C-alpha cells in the first residue's frame, strides 16, 4: 500500500520518469526526456526541461515546463477530460520534407488514421506561455 501511495513521487524523482514518458511515443526511435518532474495523486502534474527528439536525435520540441491541472486520480477516473495543459516557453523545430514534416511524422505514428476515427474523443485545453 505504501508503494502505491508513494508511486508518483518515486516515478517523478527517478530515471523511471523518462522510461514511462518514453512509452507515450512510438517505438521507432522517438525519444522524450525531462530534467525533473512533480507528480501526485491529488495535485497537478508537472514536467520540467522537456525535450522530444526524432529517430535521428534531432530536437523536435523543447519546453521549460509542461503542467497539467488534473490530478492523477482525476485523469484515471475520466480519461476523456485531459484538463488544461500549460506549455512554458515551448519551441518546435519544424523540418519539412516532400511527404510532410517531422511533426506530421510523429503525429501519424502516435495516432494511426484507423485508430483516430474509431476512438472516443478527448477534451484538452492547451495554453502557451511565452511561446510563438
Protein backbone atom coordinates (compact mmCIF):
# COMPACT_ATOMS: atom_id res chain seq x y z
CA UNK A 1 0.00 0.00 0.00
CA UNK A 2 2.83 2.42 0.84
CA UNK A 3 4.42 1.74 -2.55
CA UNK A 4 1.18 2.68 -4.34
CA UNK A 5 0.83 5.87 -2.32
CA UNK A 6 4.46 6.83 -2.98
CA UNK A 7 4.46 5.76 -6.66
CA UNK A 8 4.02 9.25 -8.19
CA UNK A 9 6.86 10.63 -6.07
CA UNK A 10 9.12 7.66 -6.82
CA UNK A 11 8.49 7.96 -10.55
CA UNK A 12 8.96 11.73 -10.64
CA UNK A 13 12.28 11.64 -8.76
CA UNK A 14 13.98 8.76 -10.57
CA UNK A 15 15.03 7.73 -14.09
CA UNK A 16 11.77 5.77 -14.24
CA UNK A 17 10.17 9.11 -15.15
CA UNK A 18 11.82 9.14 -18.60
CA UNK A 19 11.20 5.43 -19.10
CA UNK A 20 7.46 5.90 -18.59
CA UNK A 21 7.39 9.07 -20.70
CA UNK A 22 9.08 7.13 -23.49
CA UNK A 23 6.17 4.69 -23.53
CA UNK A 24 3.96 7.51 -24.82
CA UNK A 25 6.00 7.79 -28.03
CA UNK A 26 6.29 5.36 -30.94
CA UNK A 27 8.98 2.71 -30.54
CA UNK A 28 10.51 3.71 -33.89
CA UNK A 29 13.24 5.80 -32.26
CA UNK A 30 11.40 8.87 -30.98
CA UNK A 31 12.63 9.91 -27.53
CA UNK A 32 11.30 12.16 -24.76
CA UNK A 33 13.25 13.37 -21.75
CA UNK A 34 12.56 15.62 -18.80
CA UNK A 35 15.07 17.04 -16.35
CA UNK A 36 12.67 16.77 -13.41
CA UNK A 37 9.01 16.28 -12.57
CA UNK A 38 6.38 16.58 -9.87
CA UNK A 39 3.55 14.04 -9.93
CA UNK A 40 0.85 13.46 -7.33
CA UNK A 41 -2.36 11.56 -6.82
CA UNK A 42 -4.30 14.70 -5.82
CA UNK A 43 -2.32 17.67 -7.19
CA UNK A 44 -1.26 18.97 -10.56
CA UNK A 45 1.31 17.19 -12.74
CA UNK A 46 4.47 18.98 -13.91
CA UNK A 47 7.44 18.20 -16.15
CA UNK A 48 10.48 20.47 -16.32
CA UNK A 49 13.14 20.70 -19.03
CA UNK A 50 11.14 18.65 -21.53
CA UNK A 51 12.64 17.61 -24.89
CA UNK A 52 11.34 15.39 -27.69
CA UNK A 53 13.84 14.04 -30.24
CA UNK A 54 13.24 12.40 -33.62
CA UNK A 55 14.72 8.98 -34.50
CA UNK A 56 17.91 10.69 -35.79
CA UNK A 57 18.38 12.51 -32.46
CA UNK A 58 17.34 15.94 -33.73
CA UNK A 59 15.19 18.05 -31.39
CA UNK A 60 11.54 18.37 -32.36
CA UNK A 61 10.16 20.08 -29.25
CA UNK A 62 11.65 21.72 -26.18
CA UNK A 63 9.80 23.40 -23.30
CA UNK A 64 10.85 24.89 -19.99
CA UNK A 65 7.88 23.15 -18.40
CA UNK A 66 4.63 21.35 -19.12
CA UNK A 67 1.91 21.43 -16.48
CA UNK A 68 -1.41 19.59 -16.33
CA UNK A 69 -4.08 20.94 -13.97
CA UNK A 70 -5.64 17.49 -13.41
CA UNK A 71 -4.64 15.11 -10.63
CA UNK A 72 -3.64 11.54 -11.41
CA UNK A 73 -6.84 10.34 -9.73
CA UNK A 74 -8.93 12.67 -11.91
CA UNK A 75 -7.10 11.52 -15.06
CA UNK A 76 -7.69 7.87 -14.15
CA UNK A 77 -11.36 8.49 -13.33
CA UNK A 78 -12.11 10.34 -16.59
CA UNK A 79 -9.66 9.66 -19.39
CA UNK A 80 -11.68 11.76 -21.86
CA UNK A 81 -11.07 15.03 -19.94
CA UNK A 82 -7.35 15.77 -20.01
CA UNK A 83 -7.83 19.23 -18.49
CA UNK A 84 -5.63 22.22 -19.22
CA UNK A 85 -2.03 21.77 -20.34
CA UNK A 86 0.31 24.76 -19.94
CA UNK A 87 3.40 24.87 -22.14
CA UNK A 88 6.01 27.28 -20.72
CA UNK A 89 8.44 28.65 -23.33
CA UNK A 90 7.86 25.94 -25.95
CA UNK A 91 9.94 25.72 -29.11
CA UNK A 92 9.10 23.48 -32.07
CA UNK A 93 11.84 22.67 -34.57
CA UNK A 94 9.80 22.12 -37.72
CA UNK A 95 11.55 20.33 -40.58
CA UNK A 96 9.66 19.88 -43.84
CA UNK A 97 10.24 17.20 -46.45
CA UNK A 98 8.39 16.18 -49.65
CA UNK A 99 5.95 13.94 -47.72
CA UNK A 100 5.14 16.50 -44.98
CA UNK A 101 7.07 17.41 -41.84
CA UNK A 102 8.70 15.92 -38.77
CA UNK A 103 5.67 16.96 -36.69
CA UNK A 104 3.33 15.11 -39.08
CA UNK A 105 5.63 12.08 -38.94
CA UNK A 106 5.29 11.93 -35.15
CA UNK A 107 1.53 12.54 -35.13
CA UNK A 108 0.97 9.87 -37.79
CA UNK A 109 2.80 7.33 -35.65
CA UNK A 110 1.08 8.44 -32.43
CA UNK A 111 -2.46 8.25 -33.80
CA UNK A 112 -2.81 5.99 -36.83
CA UNK A 113 -5.73 7.04 -39.05
CA UNK A 114 -7.86 3.96 -38.35
CA UNK A 115 -7.42 4.38 -34.58
CA UNK A 116 -8.17 8.11 -34.65
CA UNK A 117 -11.56 7.62 -36.28
CA UNK A 118 -12.72 4.79 -34.01
CA UNK A 119 -11.91 6.05 -30.52
CA UNK A 120 -13.78 8.29 -28.11
CA UNK A 121 -12.81 11.95 -28.39
CA UNK A 122 -10.90 13.59 -25.53
CA UNK A 123 -11.13 17.16 -24.27
CA UNK A 124 -7.91 19.14 -23.89
CA UNK A 125 -7.15 22.84 -23.48
CA UNK A 126 -3.61 23.99 -24.31
CA UNK A 127 -2.20 27.28 -23.01
CA UNK A 128 1.11 28.51 -24.43
CA UNK A 129 3.08 30.87 -22.19
CA UNK A 130 5.96 32.88 -23.64
CA UNK A 131 5.96 30.99 -26.91
CA UNK A 132 5.21 31.57 -30.54
